[in-house]
Amino acid sequence: MAAALIAGCQSSTTAAPDTATEPPTRCDSDAVRHLIGQIATPELLNQARDQAGASTARILRPDDIVTLEYNSQRLNINTDSAMKIERINCG
């Protein structure tokens, strides 16, 4: 009976389930710098987003009104009025 009492007082520790998820994607605009000078299209936007590892992407023309909140996971493709890519950055 003493053994049963001792066994009942022991606590067992089990490993916590692995709740780790993949780290968030990180936007890397350097990975798509080679696109500068090309014409921005919806297809190119999707390709650039994938290559940069960004979660979102947008094309910004000179007269576009944009929000100014910083989003490190967003790829920004800045163009001239003819949609020629002039600058690419994350944010």
C-alpha atoms as a PDB file:
ATOM      1  CA  MET A   1       0.000   0.000   0.000  1.00  0.00           C
ATOM      2  CA  ALA A   2       2.871   2.383   0.726  1.00  0.00           C
ATOM      3  CA  ALA A   3       4.086   1.833  -2.818  1.00  0.00           C
ATOM      4  CA  ALA A   4       0.660   2.814  -4.151  1.00  0.00           C
ATOM      5  CA  LEU A   5       0.692   6.038  -2.095  1.00  0.00           C
ATOM      6  CA  ILE A   6       4.174   6.942  -3.258  1.00  0.00           C
ATOM      7  CA  ALA A   7       3.269   6.210  -6.864  1.00  0.00           C
ATOM      8  CA  GLY A   8       0.160   8.391  -6.522  1.00  0.00           C
ATOM      9  CA  CYS A   9       2.247  11.326  -5.276  1.00  0.00           C
ATOM     10  CA  GLN A  10       4.694  11.197  -8.137  1.00  0.00           C
ATOM     11  CA  SER A  11       4.051  13.548 -10.971  1.00  0.00           C
ATOM     12  CA  SER A  12       5.008  12.617 -14.434  1.00  0.00           C
ATOM     13  CA  THR A  13       6.299  15.196 -16.820  1.00  0.00           C
ATOM     14  CA  THR A  14       5.513  14.886 -20.455  1.00  0.00           C
ATOM     15  CA  ALA A  15       7.038  16.930 -23.171  1.00  0.00           C
ATOM     16  CA  ALA A  16       4.852  19.780 -24.303  1.00  0.00           C
ATOM     17  CA  PRO A  17       3.562  19.402 -27.831  1.00  0.00           C
ATOM     18  CA  ASP A  18       5.677  21.111 -30.428  1.00  0.00           C
ATOM     19  CA  THR A  19       3.782  24.310 -31.133  1.00  0.00           C
ATOM     20  CA  ALA A  20       6.611  25.953 -33.015  1.00  0.00           C
ATOM     21  CA  THR A  21       5.610  27.163 -36.421  1.00  0.00           C
ATOM     22  CA  GLU A  22       7.690  28.287 -39.324  1.00  0.00           C
ATOM     23  CA  PRO A  23       9.186  31.723 -38.830  1.00  0.00           C
ATOM     24  CA  PRO A  24       7.410  34.522 -40.659  1.00  0.00           C
ATOM     25  CA  THR A  25       8.532  35.234 -44.149  1.00  0.00           C
ATOM     26  CA  ARG A  26      11.115  37.960 -44.500  1.00  0.00           C
ATOM     27  CA  CYS A  27      10.991  40.396 -47.375  1.00  0.00           C
ATOM     28  CA  ASP A  28      14.334  40.685 -49.206  1.00  0.00           C
ATOM     29  CA  SER A  29      14.224  43.402 -51.855  1.00  0.00           C
ATOM     30  CA  ASP A  30      17.830  42.690 -52.868  1.00  0.00           C
ATOM     31  CA  ALA A  31      16.624  39.369 -54.313  1.00  0.00           C
ATOM     32  CA  VAL A  32      14.604  41.234 -56.958  1.00  0.00           C
ATOM     33  CA  ARG A  33      16.811  44.239 -57.755  1.00  0.00           C
ATOM     34  CA  HIS A  34      17.410  42.697 -61.186  1.00  0.00           C
ATOM     35  CA  LEU A  35      13.821  43.683 -62.088  1.00  0.00           C
ATOM     36  CA  ILE A  36      14.632  47.406 -62.056  1.00  0.00           C
ATOM     37  CA  GLY A  37      14.143  48.771 -65.576  1.00  0.00           C
ATOM     38  CA  GLN A  38      11.500  46.212 -66.535  1.00  0.00           C
ATOM     39  CA  ILE A  39       7.810  46.986 -67.064  1.00  0.00           C
ATOM     40  CA  ALA A  40       5.662  46.183 -64.020  1.00  0.00           C
ATOM     41  CA  THR A  41       2.813  43.774 -64.706  1.00  0.00           C
ATOM     42  CA  PRO A  42       0.560  41.754 -62.380  1.00  0.00           C
ATOM     43  CA  GLU A  43       2.516  38.618 -63.325  1.00  0.00           C
ATOM     44  CA  LEU A  44       5.842  40.301 -62.564  1.00  0.00           C
ATOM     45  CA  LEU A  45       4.422  41.526 -59.247  1.00  0.00           C
ATOM     46  CA  ASN A  46       3.550  37.964 -58.202  1.00  0.00           C
ATOM     47  CA  GLN A  47       6.935  36.677 -59.342  1.00  0.00           C
ATOM     48  CA  ALA A  48       8.751  39.440 -57.436  1.00  0.00           C
ATOM     49  CA  ARG A  49       6.716  38.799 -54.272  1.00  0.00           C
ATOM     50  CA  ASP A  50       7.627  35.113 -54.370  1.00  0.00           C
ATOM     51  CA  GLN A  51      11.311  35.744 -55.109  1.00  0.00           C
ATOM     52  CA  ALA A  52      11.580  38.358 -52.364  1.00  0.00           C
ATOM     53  CA  GLY A  53       9.827  36.140 -49.817  1.00  0.00           C
ATOM     54  CA  ALA A  54       7.291  38.883 -49.115  1.00  0.00           C
ATOM     55  CA  SER A  55       3.786  38.145 -47.878  1.00  0.00           C
ATOM     56  CA  THR A  56       2.291  41.014 -49.904  1.00  0.00           C
ATOM     57  CA  ALA A  57       3.396  43.280 -52.727  1.00  0.00           C
ATOM     58  CA  ARG A  58       2.175  46.376 -54.484  1.00  0.00           C
ATOM     59  CA  ILE A  59       3.019  48.477 -57.516  1.00  0.00           C
ATOM     60  CA  LEU A  60       3.280  52.198 -56.800  1.00  0.00           C
ATOM     61  CA  ARG A  61       3.002  54.703 -59.642  1.00  0.00           C
ATOM     62  CA  PRO A  62       4.060  58.356 -59.243  1.00  0.00           C
ATOM     63  CA  ASP A  63       0.533  59.685 -58.625  1.00  0.00           C
ATOM     64  CA  ASP A  64      -0.746  56.821 -56.467  1.00  0.00           C
ATOM     65  CA  ILE A  65      -2.046  57.607 -53.012  1.00  0.00           C
ATOM     66  CA  VAL A  66      -0.497  55.166 -50.563  1.00  0.00           C
ATOM     67  CA  THR A  67      -0.724  54.375 -46.907  1.00  0.00           C
ATOM     68  CA  LEU A  68       2.436  55.168 -44.999  1.00  0.00           C
ATOM     69  CA  GLU A  69       2.336  52.457 -42.357  1.00  0.00           C
ATOM     70  CA  TYR A  70       5.462  50.335 -42.352  1.00  0.00           C
ATOM     71  CA  ASN A  71       5.002  46.642 -43.130  1.00  0.00           C
ATOM     72  CA  SER A  72       8.284  44.728 -43.192  1.00  0.00           C
ATOM     73  CA  GLN A  73       6.601  41.847 -45.037  1.00  0.00           C
ATOM     74  CA  ARG A  74       5.422  43.991 -47.983  1.00  0.00           C
ATOM     75  CA  LEU A  75       7.349  44.484 -51.223  1.00  0.00           C
ATOM     76  CA  ASN A  76       6.951  47.906 -52.864  1.00  0.00           C
ATOM     77  CA  ILE A  77       7.661  48.251 -56.574  1.00  0.00           C
ATOM     78  CA  ASN A  78       7.919  51.919 -57.552  1.00  0.00           C
ATOM     79  CA  THR A  79       7.447  52.788 -61.218  1.00  0.00           C
ATOM     80  CA  ASP A  80       7.415  55.791 -63.474  1.00  0.00           C
ATOM     81  CA  SER A  81       4.266  56.830 -65.335  1.00  0.00           C
ATOM     82  CA  ALA A  82       5.045  54.280 -68.081  1.00  0.00           C
ATOM     83  CA  MET A  83       5.158  51.458 -65.456  1.00  0.00           C
ATOM     84  CA  LYS A  84       8.958  51.079 -65.781  1.00  0.00           C
ATOM     85  CA  ILE A  85      10.343  49.905 -62.416  1.00  0.00           C
ATOM     86  CA  GLU A  86      12.574  52.551 -60.829  1.00  0.00           C
ATOM     87  CA  ARG A  87      12.946  51.333 -57.242  1.00  0.00           C
ATOM     88  CA  ILE A  88      12.133  48.250 -55.157  1.00  0.00           C
ATOM     89  CA  ASN A  89      12.041  48.127 -51.385  1.00  0.00           C
ATOM     90  CA  CYS A  90      10.348  46.404 -48.461  1.00  0.00           C
ATOM     91  CA  GLY A  91       8.199  48.283 -46.052  1.00  0.00           C
END
